[in-house]
Amino acid sequence: MNKEDIIKDLIEELRPFINMDGGDIEFIKYDDVEKIVYVKLTGACSMCLNQGDTLNSGLLYAIQEKVKDVKEVVNVNL
């Protein structure tokens, strides 16, 4: 299983917790050169003031447990 697939699976595991707060998360891409995961937060999470905590304390930490070299998780507004 490659890094991108590991990240996608982990996001799917965490999705129900984000859904409980009225939001959702969509995997956009993993930049293996920059070591950045790009996601899109929607619903209540798209405008949440705690978005940074969700991305960098929660999601980044969880991803780094399985893919050590990930440096950042970035929300994109498409």
PDB file of N, CA and C in Angstrom:
ATOM      1  N   MET A   1       0.858  -1.190   0.000  1.00  0.00           N
ATOM      2  CA  MET A   1       0.000   0.000   0.000  1.00  0.00           C
ATOM      3  C   MET A   1       0.893   1.238   0.000  1.00  0.00           C
ATOM      4  N   ASN A   2       0.641   2.171  -0.924  1.00  0.00           N
ATOM      5  CA  ASN A   2       1.466   3.376  -0.987  1.00  0.00           C
ATOM      6  C   ASN A   2       0.990   4.425   0.025  1.00  0.00           C
ATOM      7  N   LYS A   3       1.780   5.484   0.174  1.00  0.00           N
ATOM      8  CA  LYS A   3       1.481   6.516   1.170  1.00  0.00           C
ATOM      9  C   LYS A   3       0.120   7.169   0.938  1.00  0.00           C
ATOM     10  N   GLU A   4      -0.191   7.463  -0.317  1.00  0.00           N
ATOM     11  CA  GLU A   4      -1.463   8.112  -0.611  1.00  0.00           C
ATOM     12  C   GLU A   4      -2.644   7.236  -0.198  1.00  0.00           C
ATOM     13  N   ASP A   5      -2.555   5.942  -0.457  1.00  0.00           N
ATOM     14  CA  ASP A   5      -3.632   5.035  -0.072  1.00  0.00           C
ATOM     15  C   ASP A   5      -3.768   4.940   1.450  1.00  0.00           C
ATOM     16  N   ILE A   6      -2.645   4.953   2.144  1.00  0.00           N
ATOM     17  CA  ILE A   6      -2.670   4.929   3.613  1.00  0.00           C
ATOM     18  C   ILE A   6      -3.374   6.178   4.136  1.00  0.00           C
ATOM     19  N   ILE A   7      -3.044   7.332   3.557  1.00  0.00           N
ATOM     20  CA  ILE A   7      -3.652   8.601   3.979  1.00  0.00           C
ATOM     21  C   ILE A   7      -5.145   8.599   3.684  1.00  0.00           C
ATOM     22  N   LYS A   8      -5.531   8.146   2.505  1.00  0.00           N
ATOM     23  CA  LYS A   8      -6.960   8.079   2.148  1.00  0.00           C
ATOM     24  C   LYS A   8      -7.722   7.187   3.119  1.00  0.00           C
ATOM     25  N   ASP A   9      -7.162   6.025   3.434  1.00  0.00           N
ATOM     26  CA  ASP A   9      -7.825   5.106   4.367  1.00  0.00           C
ATOM     27  C   ASP A   9      -7.977   5.736   5.741  1.00  0.00           C
ATOM     28  N   LEU A  10      -6.953   6.431   6.189  1.00  0.00           N
ATOM     29  CA  LEU A  10      -7.009   7.068   7.499  1.00  0.00           C
ATOM     30  C   LEU A  10      -8.072   8.168   7.527  1.00  0.00           C
ATOM     31  N   ILE A  11      -8.160   8.943   6.467  1.00  0.00           N
ATOM     32  CA  ILE A  11      -9.194   9.986   6.389  1.00  0.00           C
ATOM     33  C   ILE A  11     -10.583   9.350   6.449  1.00  0.00           C
ATOM     34  N   GLU A  12     -10.754   8.232   5.774  1.00  0.00           N
ATOM     35  CA  GLU A  12     -12.045   7.525   5.824  1.00  0.00           C
ATOM     36  C   GLU A  12     -12.362   7.042   7.240  1.00  0.00           C
ATOM     37  N   GLU A  13     -11.342   6.614   7.974  1.00  0.00           N
ATOM     38  CA  GLU A  13     -11.541   6.180   9.367  1.00  0.00           C
ATOM     39  C   GLU A  13     -11.959   7.349  10.247  1.00  0.00           C
ATOM     40  N   LEU A  14     -11.420   8.532   9.975  1.00  0.00           N
ATOM     41  CA  LEU A  14     -11.692   9.705  10.802  1.00  0.00           C
ATOM     42  C   LEU A  14     -12.951  10.465  10.387  1.00  0.00           C
ATOM     43  N   ARG A  15     -13.440  10.208   9.182  1.00  0.00           N
ATOM     44  CA  ARG A  15     -14.610  10.911   8.655  1.00  0.00           C
ATOM     45  C   ARG A  15     -15.814  10.892   9.611  1.00  0.00           C
ATOM     46  N   PRO A  16     -16.169   9.757  10.220  1.00  0.00           N
ATOM     47  CA  PRO A  16     -17.345   9.763  11.116  1.00  0.00           C
ATOM     48  C   PRO A  16     -17.228  10.754  12.274  1.00  0.00           C
ATOM     49  N   PHE A  17     -16.027  10.977  12.769  1.00  0.00           N
ATOM     50  CA  PHE A  17     -15.846  11.928  13.866  1.00  0.00           C
ATOM     51  C   PHE A  17     -16.065  13.361  13.385  1.00  0.00           C
ATOM     52  N   ILE A  18     -15.641  13.642  12.169  1.00  0.00           N
ATOM     53  CA  ILE A  18     -15.860  14.966  11.587  1.00  0.00           C
ATOM     54  C   ILE A  18     -17.334  15.145  11.252  1.00  0.00           C
ATOM     55  N   ASN A  19     -17.969  14.077  10.771  1.00  0.00           N
ATOM     56  CA  ASN A  19     -19.408  14.118  10.468  1.00  0.00           C
ATOM     57  C   ASN A  19     -20.233  14.412  11.714  1.00  0.00           C
ATOM     58  N   MET A  20     -19.801  13.924  12.880  1.00  0.00           N
ATOM     59  CA  MET A  20     -20.543  14.158  14.124  1.00  0.00           C
ATOM     60  C   MET A  20     -20.638  15.641  14.460  1.00  0.00           C
ATOM     61  N   ASP A  21     -19.679  16.438  13.971  1.00  0.00           N
ATOM     62  CA  ASP A  21     -19.700  17.880  14.216  1.00  0.00           C
ATOM     63  C   ASP A  21     -20.363  18.645  13.077  1.00  0.00           C
ATOM     64  N   GLY A  22     -20.992  17.925  12.150  1.00  0.00           N
ATOM     65  CA  GLY A  22     -21.702  18.575  11.061  1.00  0.00           C
ATOM     66  C   GLY A  22     -20.833  18.910   9.860  1.00  0.00           C
ATOM     67  N   GLY A  23     -19.646  18.343   9.812  1.00  0.00           N
ATOM     68  CA  GLY A  23     -18.748  18.627   8.695  1.00  0.00           C
ATOM     69  C   GLY A  23     -18.396  17.378   7.924  1.00  0.00           C
ATOM     70  N   ASP A  24     -17.504  17.552   6.984  1.00  0.00           N
ATOM     71  CA  ASP A  24     -17.000  16.421   6.210  1.00  0.00           C
ATOM     72  C   ASP A  24     -15.607  16.776   5.723  1.00  0.00           C
ATOM     73  N   ILE A  25     -14.890  15.774   5.247  1.00  0.00           N
ATOM     74  CA  ILE A  25     -13.538  15.963   4.752  1.00  0.00           C
ATOM     75  C   ILE A  25     -13.361  15.144   3.489  1.00  0.00           C
ATOM     76  N   GLU A  26     -12.677  15.739   2.528  1.00  0.00           N
ATOM     77  CA  GLU A  26     -12.421  15.079   1.256  1.00  0.00           C
ATOM     78  C   GLU A  26     -10.917  15.131   0.979  1.00  0.00           C
ATOM     79  N   PHE A  27     -10.331  13.997   0.666  1.00  0.00           N
ATOM     80  CA  PHE A  27      -8.931  13.949   0.275  1.00  0.00           C
ATOM     81  C   PHE A  27      -8.803  14.565  -1.110  1.00  0.00           C
ATOM     82  N   ILE A  28      -7.838  15.483  -1.290  1.00  0.00           N
ATOM     83  CA  ILE A  28      -7.586  16.094  -2.592  1.00  0.00           C
ATOM     84  C   ILE A  28      -6.341  15.482  -3.220  1.00  0.00           C
ATOM     85  N   LYS A  29      -5.203  15.575  -2.516  1.00  0.00           N
ATOM     86  CA  LYS A  29      -3.975  14.972  -3.047  1.00  0.00           C
ATOM     87  C   LYS A  29      -2.898  14.938  -1.968  1.00  0.00           C
ATOM     88  N   TYR A  30      -1.881  14.150  -2.241  1.00  0.00           N
ATOM     89  CA  TYR A  30      -0.688  14.110  -1.399  1.00  0.00           C
ATOM     90  C   TYR A  30       0.496  14.495  -2.265  1.00  0.00           C
ATOM     91  N   ASP A  31       1.199  15.537  -1.878  1.00  0.00           N
ATOM     92  CA  ASP A  31       2.394  15.984  -2.582  1.00  0.00           C
ATOM     93  C   ASP A  31       3.585  15.309  -1.916  1.00  0.00           C
ATOM     94  N   ASP A  32       4.114  14.286  -2.570  1.00  0.00           N
ATOM     95  CA  ASP A  32       5.196  13.485  -1.992  1.00  0.00           C
ATOM     96  C   ASP A  32       6.525  14.235  -1.976  1.00  0.00           C
ATOM     97  N   VAL A  33       6.651  15.280  -2.779  1.00  0.00           N
ATOM     98  CA  VAL A  33       7.876  16.080  -2.786  1.00  0.00           C
ATOM     99  C   VAL A  33       7.869  17.044  -1.598  1.00  0.00           C
ATOM    100  N   GLU A  34       6.778  17.785  -1.450  1.00  0.00           N
ATOM    101  CA  GLU A  34       6.653  18.759  -0.360  1.00  0.00           C
ATOM    102  C   GLU A  34       6.220  18.112   0.956  1.00  0.00           C
ATOM    103  N   LYS A  35       5.713  16.879   0.866  1.00  0.00           N
ATOM    104  CA  LYS A  35       5.223  16.133   2.037  1.00  0.00           C
ATOM    105  C   LYS A  35       4.015  16.807   2.675  1.00  0.00           C
ATOM    106  N   ILE A  36       3.095  17.277   1.808  1.00  0.00           N
ATOM    107  CA  ILE A  36       1.890  17.965   2.261  1.00  0.00           C
ATOM    108  C   ILE A  36       0.662  17.199   1.790  1.00  0.00           C
ATOM    109  N   VAL A  37      -0.302  17.038   2.709  1.00  0.00           N
ATOM    110  CA  VAL A  37      -1.588  16.428   2.394  1.00  0.00           C
ATOM    111  C   VAL A  37      -2.582  17.565   2.190  1.00  0.00           C
ATOM    112  N   TYR A  38      -3.286  17.526   1.062  1.00  0.00           N
ATOM    113  CA  TYR A  38      -4.303  18.529   0.759  1.00  0.00           C
ATOM    114  C   TYR A  38      -5.676  17.892   0.915  1.00  0.00           C
ATOM    115  N   VAL A  39      -6.531  18.552   1.699  1.00  0.00           N
ATOM    116  CA  VAL A  39      -7.892  18.086   1.925  1.00  0.00           C
ATOM    117  C   VAL A  39      -8.841  19.257   1.725  1.00  0.00           C
ATOM    118  N   LYS A  40     -10.126  18.940   1.636  1.00  0.00           N
ATOM    119  CA  LYS A  40     -11.150  19.975   1.593  1.00  0.00           C
ATOM    120  C   LYS A  40     -12.137  19.701   2.718  1.00  0.00           C
ATOM    121  N   LEU A  41     -12.256  20.647   3.627  1.00  0.00           N
ATOM    122  CA  LEU A  41     -13.239  20.554   4.697  1.00  0.00           C
ATOM    123  C   LEU A  41     -14.522  21.201   4.209  1.00  0.00           C
ATOM    124  N   THR A  42     -15.641  20.531   4.461  1.00  0.00           N
ATOM    125  CA  THR A  42     -16.935  21.048   4.023  1.00  0.00           C
ATOM    126  C   THR A  42     -17.913  21.063   5.196  1.00  0.00           C
ATOM    127  N   GLY A  43     -19.085  21.577   4.938  1.00  0.00           N
ATOM    128  CA  GLY A  43     -20.106  21.646   5.980  1.00  0.00           C
ATOM    129  C   GLY A  43     -19.678  22.583   7.096  1.00  0.00           C
ATOM    130  N   ALA A  44     -20.006  22.234   8.306  1.00  0.00           N
ATOM    131  CA  ALA A  44     -19.686  23.072   9.461  1.00  0.00           C
ATOM    132  C   ALA A  44     -18.182  23.282   9.614  1.00  0.00           C
ATOM    133  N   CYS A  45     -17.382  22.341   9.159  1.00  0.00           N
ATOM    134  CA  CYS A  45     -15.924  22.433   9.303  1.00  0.00           C
ATOM    135  C   CYS A  45     -15.296  23.462   8.366  1.00  0.00           C
ATOM    136  N   SER A  46     -16.000  23.804   7.286  1.00  0.00           N
ATOM    137  CA  SER A  46     -15.410  24.712   6.305  1.00  0.00           C
ATOM    138  C   SER A  46     -15.203  26.124   6.856  1.00  0.00           C
ATOM    139  N   MET A  47     -16.007  26.528   7.806  1.00  0.00           N
ATOM    140  CA  MET A  47     -15.902  27.875   8.371  1.00  0.00           C
ATOM    141  C   MET A  47     -15.569  27.870   9.861  1.00  0.00           C
ATOM    142  N   CYS A  48     -15.225  26.725  10.387  1.00  0.00           N
ATOM    143  CA  CYS A  48     -14.994  26.582  11.823  1.00  0.00           C
ATOM    144  C   CYS A  48     -13.726  27.313  12.262  1.00  0.00           C
ATOM    145  N   LEU A  49     -13.804  27.977  13.399  1.00  0.00           N
ATOM    146  CA  LEU A  49     -12.638  28.666  13.949  1.00  0.00           C
ATOM    147  C   LEU A  49     -11.576  27.688  14.452  1.00  0.00           C
ATOM    148  N   ASN A  50     -11.961  26.461  14.715  1.00  0.00           N
ATOM    149  CA  ASN A  50     -11.020  25.446  15.194  1.00  0.00           C
ATOM    150  C   ASN A  50     -10.454  24.594  14.064  1.00  0.00           C
ATOM    151  N   GLN A  51     -10.618  25.030  12.846  1.00  0.00           N
ATOM    152  CA  GLN A  51     -10.163  24.281  11.684  1.00  0.00           C
ATOM    153  C   GLN A  51      -8.669  23.956  11.775  1.00  0.00           C
ATOM    154  N   GLY A  52      -7.870  24.907  12.224  1.00  0.00           N
ATOM    155  CA  GLY A  52      -6.428  24.688  12.366  1.00  0.00           C
ATOM    156  C   GLY A  52      -6.117  23.571  13.339  1.00  0.00           C
ATOM    157  N   ASP A  53      -6.860  23.507  14.433  1.00  0.00           N
ATOM    158  CA  ASP A  53      -6.663  22.434  15.405  1.00  0.00           C
ATOM    159  C   ASP A  53      -7.022  21.082  14.811  1.00  0.00           C
ATOM    160  N   THR A  54      -8.122  21.037  14.073  1.00  0.00           N
ATOM    161  CA  THR A  54      -8.548  19.788  13.435  1.00  0.00           C
ATOM    162  C   THR A  54      -7.477  19.296  12.474  1.00  0.00           C
ATOM    163  N   LEU A  55      -6.951  20.205  11.673  1.00  0.00           N
ATOM    164  CA  LEU A  55      -5.973  19.816  10.658  1.00  0.00           C
ATOM    165  C   LEU A  55      -4.613  19.500  11.255  1.00  0.00           C
ATOM    166  N   ASN A  56      -4.095  20.380  12.094  1.00  0.00           N
ATOM    167  CA  ASN A  56      -2.713  20.255  12.526  1.00  0.00           C
ATOM    168  C   ASN A  56      -2.509  19.511  13.830  1.00  0.00           C
ATOM    169  N   SER A  57      -3.467  19.532  14.694  1.00  0.00           N
ATOM    170  CA  SER A  57      -3.312  18.777  15.932  1.00  0.00           C
ATOM    171  C   SER A  57      -3.918  17.384  15.789  1.00  0.00           C
ATOM    172  N   GLY A  58      -5.087  17.306  15.186  1.00  0.00           N
ATOM    173  CA  GLY A  58      -5.769  16.025  15.063  1.00  0.00           C
ATOM    174  C   GLY A  58      -5.351  15.216  13.858  1.00  0.00           C
ATOM    175  N   LEU A  59      -5.650  15.715  12.684  1.00  0.00           N
ATOM    176  CA  LEU A  59      -5.414  14.970  11.456  1.00  0.00           C
ATOM    177  C   LEU A  59      -3.931  14.767  11.179  1.00  0.00           C
ATOM    178  N   LEU A  60      -3.130  15.811  11.305  1.00  0.00           N
ATOM    179  CA  LEU A  60      -1.693  15.685  11.046  1.00  0.00           C
ATOM    180  C   LEU A  60      -1.072  14.651  11.978  1.00  0.00           C
ATOM    181  N   TYR A  61      -1.414  14.738  13.246  1.00  0.00           N
ATOM    182  CA  TYR A  61      -0.871  13.784  14.215  1.00  0.00           C
ATOM    183  C   TYR A  61      -1.248  12.347  13.842  1.00  0.00           C
ATOM    184  N   ALA A  62      -2.507  12.138  13.487  1.00  0.00           N
ATOM    185  CA  ALA A  62      -2.963  10.796  13.124  1.00  0.00           C
ATOM    186  C   ALA A  62      -2.253  10.287  11.867  1.00  0.00           C
ATOM    187  N   ILE A  63      -2.084  11.159  10.882  1.00  0.00           N
ATOM    188  CA  ILE A  63      -1.405  10.749   9.655  1.00  0.00           C
ATOM    189  C   ILE A  63       0.062  10.438   9.925  1.00  0.00           C
ATOM    190  N   GLN A  64       0.712  11.261  10.736  1.00  0.00           N
ATOM    191  CA  GLN A  64       2.132  11.053  11.019  1.00  0.00           C
ATOM    192  C   GLN A  64       2.388   9.751  11.784  1.00  0.00           C
ATOM    193  N   GLU A  65       1.382   9.230  12.439  1.00  0.00           N
ATOM    194  CA  GLU A  65       1.534   7.936  13.097  1.00  0.00           C
ATOM    195  C   GLU A  65       1.801   6.829  12.078  1.00  0.00           C
ATOM    196  N   LYS A  66       1.263   6.995  10.862  1.00  0.00           N
ATOM    197  CA  LYS A  66       1.390   5.965   9.827  1.00  0.00           C
ATOM    198  C   LYS A  66       2.316   6.377   8.683  1.00  0.00           C
ATOM    199  N   VAL A  67       2.385   7.668   8.396  1.00  0.00           N
ATOM    200  CA  VAL A  67       3.254   8.181   7.333  1.00  0.00           C
ATOM    201  C   VAL A  67       4.115   9.277   7.975  1.00  0.00           C
ATOM    202  N   LYS A  68       5.248   8.884   8.496  1.00  0.00           N
ATOM    203  CA  LYS A  68       6.091   9.750   9.340  1.00  0.00           C
ATOM    204  C   LYS A  68       6.554  11.041   8.670  1.00  0.00           C
ATOM    205  N   ASP A  69       6.777  11.025   7.359  1.00  0.00           N
ATOM    206  CA  ASP A  69       7.386  12.191   6.716  1.00  0.00           C
ATOM    207  C   ASP A  69       6.406  13.286   6.308  1.00  0.00           C
ATOM    208  N   VAL A  70       5.121  13.124   6.558  1.00  0.00           N
ATOM    209  CA  VAL A  70       4.150  14.186   6.258  1.00  0.00           C
ATOM    210  C   VAL A  70       4.430  15.381   7.173  1.00  0.00           C
ATOM    211  N   LYS A  71       4.536  16.560   6.562  1.00  0.00           N
ATOM    212  CA  LYS A  71       4.880  17.766   7.317  1.00  0.00           C
ATOM    213  C   LYS A  71       3.680  18.639   7.643  1.00  0.00           C
ATOM    214  N   GLU A  72       2.637  18.568   6.798  1.00  0.00           N
ATOM    215  CA  GLU A  72       1.535  19.510   6.952  1.00  0.00           C
ATOM    216  C   GLU A  72       0.270  18.972   6.297  1.00  0.00           C
ATOM    217  N   VAL A  73      -0.868  19.403   6.831  1.00  0.00           N
ATOM    218  CA  VAL A  73      -2.168  19.135   6.211  1.00  0.00           C
ATOM    219  C   VAL A  73      -2.777  20.505   5.912  1.00  0.00           C
ATOM    220  N   VAL A  74      -3.169  20.697   4.646  1.00  0.00           N
ATOM    221  CA  VAL A  74      -3.667  22.001   4.204  1.00  0.00           C
ATOM    222  C   VAL A  74      -5.097  21.838   3.683  1.00  0.00           C
ATOM    223  N   ASN A  75      -5.980  22.735   4.120  1.00  0.00           N
ATOM    224  CA  ASN A  75      -7.341  22.783   3.598  1.00  0.00           C
ATOM    225  C   ASN A  75      -7.341  23.659   2.352  1.00  0.00           C
ATOM    226  N   VAL A  76      -7.945  23.150   1.292  1.00  0.00           N
ATOM    227  CA  VAL A  76      -8.041  23.936   0.054  1.00  0.00           C
ATOM    228  C   VAL A  76      -9.502  24.323  -0.155  1.00  0.00           C
ATOM    229  N   ASN A  77      -9.695  25.505  -0.679  1.00  0.00           N
ATOM    230  CA  ASN A  77     -11.034  25.962  -0.999  1.00  0.00           C
ATOM    231  C   ASN A  77     -11.210  25.906  -2.500  1.00  0.00           C
ATOM    232  N   LEU A  78     -11.906  24.886  -2.973  1.00  0.00           N
ATOM    233  CA  LEU A  78     -12.110  24.703  -4.413  1.00  0.00           C
ATOM    234  C   LEU A  78     -13.423  25.295  -4.843  1.00  0.00           C
TER     235      LEU A  78
END
